[in-house]
PDB file of N, CA and C in Angstrom:
ATOM      1  N   UNK A   1       2.325   3.438   9.981  1.00  0.00           N
ATOM      2  CA  UNK A   1       3.321   3.338   9.491  1.00  0.00           C
ATOM      3  C   UNK A   1       4.110   3.946   7.931  1.00  0.00           C
ATOM      4  N   UNK A   2       5.188   4.372   8.388  1.00  0.00           N
ATOM      5  CA  UNK A   2       5.666   5.291   7.603  1.00  0.00           C
ATOM      6  C   UNK A   2       7.286   4.277   6.889  1.00  0.00           C
ATOM      7  N   UNK A   3       7.140   4.127   6.175  1.00  0.00           N
ATOM      8  CA  UNK A   3       8.622   2.761   5.203  1.00  0.00           C
ATOM      9  C   UNK A   3       9.120   3.686   4.254  1.00  0.00           C
ATOM     10  N   UNK A   4      10.339   4.313   4.331  1.00  0.00           N
ATOM     11  CA  UNK A   4      11.304   5.211   3.087  1.00  0.00           C
ATOM     12  C   UNK A   4      12.050   3.854   2.681  1.00  0.00           C
ATOM     13  N   UNK A   5      12.721   3.873   1.468  1.00  0.00           N
ATOM     14  CA  UNK A   5      13.759   3.009   1.374  1.00  0.00           C
ATOM     15  C   UNK A   5      14.328   3.523   0.095  1.00  0.00           C
ATOM     16  N   UNK A   6      15.668   3.529  -0.329  1.00  0.00           N
ATOM     17  CA  UNK A   6      16.515   4.117  -1.354  1.00  0.00           C
ATOM     18  C   UNK A   6      16.624   2.924  -2.165  1.00  0.00           C
ATOM     19  N   UNK A   7      17.389   2.249  -2.345  1.00  0.00           N
ATOM     20  CA  UNK A   7      17.870   1.221  -2.880  1.00  0.00           C
ATOM     21  C   UNK A   7      17.033  -0.251  -2.780  1.00  0.00           C
ATOM     22  N   UNK A   8      16.408  -0.204  -2.228  1.00  0.00           N
ATOM     23  CA  UNK A   8      15.707  -1.946  -2.213  1.00  0.00           C
ATOM     24  C   UNK A   8      14.547  -1.638  -2.022  1.00  0.00           C
ATOM     25  N   UNK A   9      13.761  -2.719  -2.542  1.00  0.00           N
ATOM     26  CA  UNK A   9      12.075  -3.587  -2.454  1.00  0.00           C
ATOM     27  C   UNK A   9      11.218  -3.308  -1.014  1.00  0.00           C
ATOM     28  N   UNK A  10       9.828  -2.862  -1.405  1.00  0.00           N
ATOM     29  CA  UNK A  10       9.585  -3.297   0.098  1.00  0.00           C
ATOM     30  C   UNK A  10       8.477  -4.171  -0.386  1.00  0.00           C
ATOM     31  N   UNK A  11       8.321  -5.325   0.494  1.00  0.00           N
ATOM     32  CA  UNK A  11       7.667  -6.232   0.484  1.00  0.00           C
ATOM     33  C   UNK A  11       6.509  -6.184   1.552  1.00  0.00           C
ATOM     34  N   UNK A  12       5.160  -6.457   1.590  1.00  0.00           N
ATOM     35  CA  UNK A  12       4.841  -6.595   2.880  1.00  0.00           C
ATOM     36  C   UNK A  12       3.194  -7.419   2.631  1.00  0.00           C
ATOM     37  N   UNK A  13       2.820  -7.971   3.500  1.00  0.00           N
ATOM     38  CA  UNK A  13       2.165  -8.802   3.467  1.00  0.00           C
ATOM     39  C   UNK A  13       0.732  -8.363   4.450  1.00  0.00           C
ATOM     40  N   UNK A  14      -0.571  -7.958   3.461  1.00  0.00           N
ATOM     41  CA  UNK A  14      -1.091  -7.083   4.045  1.00  0.00           C
ATOM     42  C   UNK A  14      -2.602  -7.768   4.097  1.00  0.00           C
ATOM     43  N   UNK A  15      -2.675  -8.764   4.034  1.00  0.00           N
ATOM     44  CA  UNK A  15      -3.717 -10.008   4.142  1.00  0.00           C
ATOM     45  C   UNK A  15      -4.548 -10.079   5.406  1.00  0.00           C
ATOM     46  N   UNK A  16      -4.684  -9.213   6.143  1.00  0.00           N
ATOM     47  CA  UNK A  16      -5.276  -9.722   7.650  1.00  0.00           C
ATOM     48  C   UNK A  16      -6.930  -9.040   6.935  1.00  0.00           C
ATOM     49  N   UNK A  17      -7.660  -9.523   7.797  1.00  0.00           N
ATOM     50  CA  UNK A  17      -9.099  -9.354   7.323  1.00  0.00           C
ATOM     51  C   UNK A  17      -9.818  -8.552   8.081  1.00  0.00           C
ATOM     52  N   UNK A  18      -9.724  -8.342   9.469  1.00  0.00           N
ATOM     53  CA  UNK A  18     -10.270  -7.158  10.510  1.00  0.00           C
ATOM     54  C   UNK A  18      -9.312  -5.980  10.702  1.00  0.00           C
ATOM     55  N   UNK A  19      -8.935  -5.319   9.345  1.00  0.00           N
ATOM     56  CA  UNK A  19      -7.995  -4.163   9.535  1.00  0.00           C
ATOM     57  C   UNK A  19      -8.743  -3.285   8.260  1.00  0.00           C
ATOM     58  N   UNK A  20      -8.910  -2.072   8.971  1.00  0.00           N
ATOM     59  CA  UNK A  20      -9.103  -0.980   7.380  1.00  0.00           C
ATOM     60  C   UNK A  20      -8.043  -0.038   7.199  1.00  0.00           C
ATOM     61  N   UNK A  21      -7.597  -0.289   6.071  1.00  0.00           N
ATOM     62  CA  UNK A  21      -6.118   0.043   5.361  1.00  0.00           C
ATOM     63  C   UNK A  21      -6.640   1.417   4.768  1.00  0.00           C
ATOM     64  N   UNK A  22      -5.605   1.924   4.864  1.00  0.00           N
ATOM     65  CA  UNK A  22      -5.548   3.379   4.007  1.00  0.00           C
ATOM     66  C   UNK A  22      -4.266   3.052   3.528  1.00  0.00           C
ATOM     67  N   UNK A  23      -3.659   3.257   2.320  1.00  0.00           N
ATOM     68  CA  UNK A  23      -2.479   3.184   1.464  1.00  0.00           C
ATOM     69  C   UNK A  23      -2.165   3.855   0.359  1.00  0.00           C
ATOM     70  N   UNK A  24      -0.686   4.437   1.016  1.00  0.00           N
ATOM     71  CA  UNK A  24      -0.220   5.545   0.126  1.00  0.00           C
ATOM     72  C   UNK A  24       0.976   5.328  -0.347  1.00  0.00           C
ATOM     73  N   UNK A  25       1.301   4.684  -1.578  1.00  0.00           N
ATOM     74  CA  UNK A  25       2.893   3.850  -1.826  1.00  0.00           C
ATOM     75  C   UNK A  25       2.970   4.718  -3.182  1.00  0.00           C
ATOM     76  N   UNK A  26       4.434   5.104  -3.038  1.00  0.00           N
ATOM     77  CA  UNK A  26       5.128   5.470  -4.485  1.00  0.00           C
ATOM     78  C   UNK A  26       6.409   4.996  -4.778  1.00  0.00           C
ATOM     79  N   UNK A  27       6.745   4.603  -5.841  1.00  0.00           N
ATOM     80  CA  UNK A  27       8.168   3.701  -6.291  1.00  0.00           C
ATOM     81  C   UNK A  27       8.636   4.883  -6.942  1.00  0.00           C
ATOM     82  N   UNK A  28       9.704   5.602  -7.071  1.00  0.00           N
ATOM     83  CA  UNK A  28       9.831   6.473  -8.084  1.00  0.00           C
ATOM     84  C   UNK A  28      10.603   6.453  -9.247  1.00  0.00           C
ATOM     85  N   UNK A  29      11.068   4.868  -9.330  1.00  0.00           N
ATOM     86  CA  UNK A  29      11.686   4.693 -10.639  1.00  0.00           C
ATOM     87  C   UNK A  29      10.976   2.947 -10.858  1.00  0.00           C
ATOM     88  N   UNK A  30      10.569   2.548  -9.695  1.00  0.00           N
ATOM     89  CA  UNK A  30      10.315   1.315  -9.774  1.00  0.00           C
ATOM     90  C   UNK A  30       8.307   0.840 -10.033  1.00  0.00           C
ATOM     91  N   UNK A  31       7.897   0.244  -9.861  1.00  0.00           N
ATOM     92  CA  UNK A  31       6.602  -0.256  -9.983  1.00  0.00           C
ATOM     93  C   UNK A  31       5.686  -0.851  -8.291  1.00  0.00           C
ATOM     94  N   UNK A  32       4.522  -0.479  -7.999  1.00  0.00           N
ATOM     95  CA  UNK A  32       3.993  -0.601  -7.328  1.00  0.00           C
ATOM     96  C   UNK A  32       2.713  -1.867  -7.487  1.00  0.00           C
ATOM     97  N   UNK A  33       2.758  -3.087  -6.996  1.00  0.00           N
ATOM     98  CA  UNK A  33       1.931  -3.778  -7.028  1.00  0.00           C
ATOM     99  C   UNK A  33       1.082  -4.266  -5.804  1.00  0.00           C
ATOM    100  N   UNK A  34      -0.434  -4.450  -6.362  1.00  0.00           N
ATOM    101  CA  UNK A  34      -0.911  -4.866  -5.003  1.00  0.00           C
ATOM    102  C   UNK A  34      -1.704  -5.742  -5.165  1.00  0.00           C
ATOM    103  N   UNK A  35      -1.545  -6.635  -4.407  1.00  0.00           N
ATOM    104  CA  UNK A  35      -2.392  -8.010  -4.548  1.00  0.00           C
ATOM    105  C   UNK A  35      -3.659  -8.207  -3.446  1.00  0.00           C
ATOM    106  N   UNK A  36      -4.081  -7.258  -2.975  1.00  0.00           N
ATOM    107  CA  UNK A  36      -5.034  -7.623  -2.332  1.00  0.00           C
ATOM    108  C   UNK A  36      -6.177  -6.996  -3.289  1.00  0.00           C
ATOM    109  N   UNK A  37      -7.993  -7.703  -2.670  1.00  0.00           N
ATOM    110  CA  UNK A  37      -9.100  -6.973  -3.193  1.00  0.00           C
ATOM    111  C   UNK A  37      -9.616  -6.292  -1.968  1.00  0.00           C
ATOM    112  N   UNK A  38     -10.819  -5.737  -2.562  1.00  0.00           N
ATOM    113  CA  UNK A  38     -11.388  -4.755  -1.161  1.00  0.00           C
ATOM    114  C   UNK A  38     -10.861  -3.405  -1.277  1.00  0.00           C
ATOM    115  N   UNK A  39     -10.264  -2.931  -2.310  1.00  0.00           N
ATOM    116  CA  UNK A  39      -9.842  -1.722  -2.254  1.00  0.00           C
ATOM    117  C   UNK A  39     -10.592  -0.994  -3.030  1.00  0.00           C
ATOM    118  N   UNK A  40     -10.227   0.658  -2.532  1.00  0.00           N
ATOM    119  CA  UNK A  40     -10.957   1.422  -3.266  1.00  0.00           C
ATOM    120  C   UNK A  40      -9.379   2.738  -3.997  1.00  0.00           C
ATOM    121  N   UNK A  41      -9.440   2.532  -5.161  1.00  0.00           N
ATOM    122  CA  UNK A  41      -8.213   3.723  -5.677  1.00  0.00           C
ATOM    123  C   UNK A  41      -8.487   4.808  -5.915  1.00  0.00           C
ATOM    124  N   UNK A  42      -7.903   5.873  -5.023  1.00  0.00           N
ATOM    125  CA  UNK A  42      -8.521   7.426  -5.472  1.00  0.00           C
ATOM    126  C   UNK A  42      -7.124   7.489  -6.671  1.00  0.00           C
ATOM    127  N   UNK A  43      -6.150   6.619  -6.463  1.00  0.00           N
ATOM    128  CA  UNK A  43      -4.604   7.145  -7.735  1.00  0.00           C
ATOM    129  C   UNK A  43      -4.421   5.480  -7.727  1.00  0.00           C
ATOM    130  N   UNK A  44      -4.213   5.456  -9.246  1.00  0.00           N
ATOM    131  CA  UNK A  44      -3.666   4.023  -9.502  1.00  0.00           C
ATOM    132  C   UNK A  44      -2.695   3.982 -10.827  1.00  0.00           C
ATOM    133  N   UNK A  45      -1.198   4.139 -10.427  1.00  0.00           N
ATOM    134  CA  UNK A  45      -0.480   4.233 -11.596  1.00  0.00           C
ATOM    135  C   UNK A  45       0.554   3.394 -11.715  1.00  0.00           C
ATOM    136  N   UNK A  46       1.133   3.221 -12.468  1.00  0.00           N
ATOM    137  CA  UNK A  46       2.217   1.783 -12.487  1.00  0.00           C
ATOM    138  C   UNK A  46       3.013   2.272 -11.051  1.00  0.00           C
ATOM    139  N   UNK A  47       3.448   3.304 -10.643  1.00  0.00           N
ATOM    140  CA  UNK A  47       4.336   3.720  -9.582  1.00  0.00           C
ATOM    141  C   UNK A  47       3.968   4.370  -8.512  1.00  0.00           C
ATOM    142  N   UNK A  48       2.680   4.509  -8.313  1.00  0.00           N
ATOM    143  CA  UNK A  48       1.854   5.112  -7.450  1.00  0.00           C
ATOM    144  C   UNK A  48       0.344   4.702  -7.141  1.00  0.00           C
ATOM    145  N   UNK A  49       0.042   4.308  -5.892  1.00  0.00           N
ATOM    146  CA  UNK A  49      -0.886   3.502  -5.430  1.00  0.00           C
ATOM    147  C   UNK A  49      -1.808   4.949  -4.629  1.00  0.00           C
ATOM    148  N   UNK A  50      -2.992   5.406  -4.254  1.00  0.00           N
ATOM    149  CA  UNK A  50      -3.703   5.650  -2.862  1.00  0.00           C
ATOM    150  C   UNK A  50      -4.816   4.988  -2.869  1.00  0.00           C
ATOM    151  N   UNK A  51      -5.040   4.169  -1.932  1.00  0.00           N
ATOM    152  CA  UNK A  51      -6.311   3.521  -1.808  1.00  0.00           C
ATOM    153  C   UNK A  51      -6.599   3.171  -0.365  1.00  0.00           C
ATOM    154  N   UNK A  52      -8.092   2.709  -0.285  1.00  0.00           N
ATOM    155  CA  UNK A  52      -8.246   2.227   1.179  1.00  0.00           C
ATOM    156  C   UNK A  52      -9.067   1.081   1.306  1.00  0.00           C
ATOM    157  N   UNK A  53      -9.765   0.439   2.214  1.00  0.00           N
ATOM    158  CA  UNK A  53     -10.296  -0.650   2.289  1.00  0.00           C
ATOM    159  C   UNK A  53     -11.590  -0.039   1.866  1.00  0.00           C
ATOM    160  N   UNK A  54     -12.526  -1.004   0.810  1.00  0.00           N
ATOM    161  CA  UNK A  54     -13.758  -0.662   0.085  1.00  0.00           C
ATOM    162  C   UNK A  54     -15.121  -0.575   1.773  1.00  0.00           C
ATOM    163  N   UNK A  55     -15.167  -1.328   2.063  1.00  0.00           N
ATOM    164  CA  UNK A  55     -15.996  -1.026   3.013  1.00  0.00           C
ATOM    165  C   UNK A  55     -15.605  -1.190   4.233  1.00  0.00           C
ATOM    166  N   UNK A  56     -15.048   0.292   4.925  1.00  0.00           N
ATOM    167  CA  UNK A  56     -14.608  -0.072   6.300  1.00  0.00           C
ATOM    168  C   UNK A  56     -15.495  -0.123   7.376  1.00  0.00           C
ATOM    169  N   UNK A  57     -15.117  -1.221   8.635  1.00  0.00           N
ATOM    170  CA  UNK A  57     -15.857  -1.371   9.692  1.00  0.00           C
ATOM    171  C   UNK A  57     -15.717  -0.675  10.752  1.00  0.00           C
ATOM    172  N   UNK A  58     -16.277  -0.147  11.328  1.00  0.00           N
ATOM    173  CA  UNK A  58     -15.785   0.723  12.569  1.00  0.00           C
ATOM    174  C   UNK A  58     -15.468   0.035  13.676  1.00  0.00           C
ATOM    175  N   UNK A  59     -15.658  -1.130  13.777  1.00  0.00           N
ATOM    176  CA  UNK A  59     -15.502  -2.560  15.117  1.00  0.00           C
ATOM    177  C   UNK A  59     -13.908  -3.112  14.482  1.00  0.00           C
ATOM    178  N   UNK A  60     -13.249  -2.444  13.415  1.00  0.00           N
ATOM    179  CA  UNK A  60     -12.170  -3.049  12.880  1.00  0.00           C
ATOM    180  C   UNK A  60     -10.882  -2.418  13.246  1.00  0.00           C
ATOM    181  N   UNK A  61     -10.055  -2.717  13.174  1.00  0.00           N
ATOM    182  CA  UNK A  61      -8.395  -1.466  13.684  1.00  0.00           C
ATOM    183  C   UNK A  61      -8.180  -0.840  12.278  1.00  0.00           C
ATOM    184  N   UNK A  62      -7.694   0.127  12.579  1.00  0.00           N
ATOM    185  CA  UNK A  62      -7.156   1.013  11.369  1.00  0.00           C
ATOM    186  C   UNK A  62      -5.788   0.990  11.120  1.00  0.00           C
ATOM    187  N   UNK A  63      -5.092   1.012   9.938  1.00  0.00           N
ATOM    188  CA  UNK A  63      -3.824   0.981   9.978  1.00  0.00           C
ATOM    189  C   UNK A  63      -3.311   1.927   8.574  1.00  0.00           C
ATOM    190  N   UNK A  64      -2.507   2.950   8.468  1.00  0.00           N
ATOM    191  CA  UNK A  64      -2.314   4.137   7.859  1.00  0.00           C
ATOM    192  C   UNK A  64      -0.886   3.600   6.912  1.00  0.00           C
ATOM    193  N   UNK A  65      -0.326   3.163   5.973  1.00  0.00           N
ATOM    194  CA  UNK A  65       0.765   2.902   5.518  1.00  0.00           C
ATOM    195  C   UNK A  65       1.397   3.638   4.387  1.00  0.00           C
ATOM    196  N   UNK A  66       1.998   4.434   4.604  1.00  0.00           N
ATOM    197  CA  UNK A  66       2.632   5.280   3.975  1.00  0.00           C
ATOM    198  C   UNK A  66       4.294   4.709   3.492  1.00  0.00           C
ATOM    199  N   UNK A  67       3.941   4.230   2.434  1.00  0.00           N
ATOM    200  CA  UNK A  67       5.673   3.728   1.582  1.00  0.00           C
ATOM    201  C   UNK A  67       6.292   4.310   0.257  1.00  0.00           C
ATOM    202  N   UNK A  68       7.637   4.561   0.519  1.00  0.00           N
ATOM    203  CA  UNK A  68       8.053   5.184  -0.556  1.00  0.00           C
ATOM    204  C   UNK A  68       9.254   4.464  -0.974  1.00  0.00           C
ATOM    205  N   UNK A  69       9.812   4.175  -2.033  1.00  0.00           N
ATOM    206  CA  UNK A  69      11.351   3.694  -2.327  1.00  0.00           C
ATOM    207  C   UNK A  69      11.773   4.588  -3.571  1.00  0.00           C
ATOM    208  N   UNK A  70      13.030   4.621  -3.805  1.00  0.00           N
ATOM    209  CA  UNK A  70      13.378   5.388  -4.949  1.00  0.00           C
ATOM    210  C   UNK A  70      13.879   4.872  -5.991  1.00  0.00           C
ATOM    211  N   UNK A  71      14.454   3.078  -5.932  1.00  0.00           N
ATOM    212  CA  UNK A  71      14.993   2.536  -7.127  1.00  0.00           C
ATOM    213  C   UNK A  71      14.476   1.399  -7.416  1.00  0.00           C
ATOM    214  N   UNK A  72      13.305   0.823  -6.803  1.00  0.00           N
ATOM    215  CA  UNK A  72      13.024  -0.464  -6.695  1.00  0.00           C
ATOM    216  C   UNK A  72      11.552  -0.758  -6.354  1.00  0.00           C
ATOM    217  N   UNK A  73      11.094  -1.568  -6.166  1.00  0.00           N
ATOM    218  CA  UNK A  73       9.405  -1.898  -6.038  1.00  0.00           C
ATOM    219  C   UNK A  73       8.772  -1.986  -5.152  1.00  0.00           C
ATOM    220  N   UNK A  74       7.386  -1.622  -5.043  1.00  0.00           N
ATOM    221  CA  UNK A  74       6.613  -1.555  -3.405  1.00  0.00           C
ATOM    222  C   UNK A  74       5.981  -2.799  -4.162  1.00  0.00           C
ATOM    223  N   UNK A  75       5.489  -3.993  -3.188  1.00  0.00           N
ATOM    224  CA  UNK A  75       4.894  -5.254  -3.604  1.00  0.00           C
ATOM    225  C   UNK A  75       4.434  -5.441  -1.874  1.00  0.00           C
ATOM    226  N   UNK A  76       2.921  -5.463  -2.516  1.00  0.00           N
ATOM    227  CA  UNK A  76       1.770  -5.361  -1.180  1.00  0.00           C
ATOM    228  C   UNK A  76       1.013  -6.879  -1.638  1.00  0.00           C
ATOM    229  N   UNK A  77       0.929  -7.919  -0.344  1.00  0.00           N
ATOM    230  CA  UNK A  77       0.229  -8.756  -0.740  1.00  0.00           C
ATOM    231  C   UNK A  77      -0.451  -9.391   0.166  1.00  0.00           C
TER     232      UNK A  77
END
């Protein structure tokens, strides 16, 4: 999924247990907040997160998230 927004926040629930996640989230002037355990971060700053599921399971579905907003926050819970 690729989600872009200019002046509003992006809030997404990523609480599903049987999914391997790859997350790339950038908020130009806002903050990126992640409330999910089980992630390995290759980049983690107040406004950028690049992460993936810690222990990926081949039997699980995969979901790649590319999230970007210019003037607000991104919240992943």
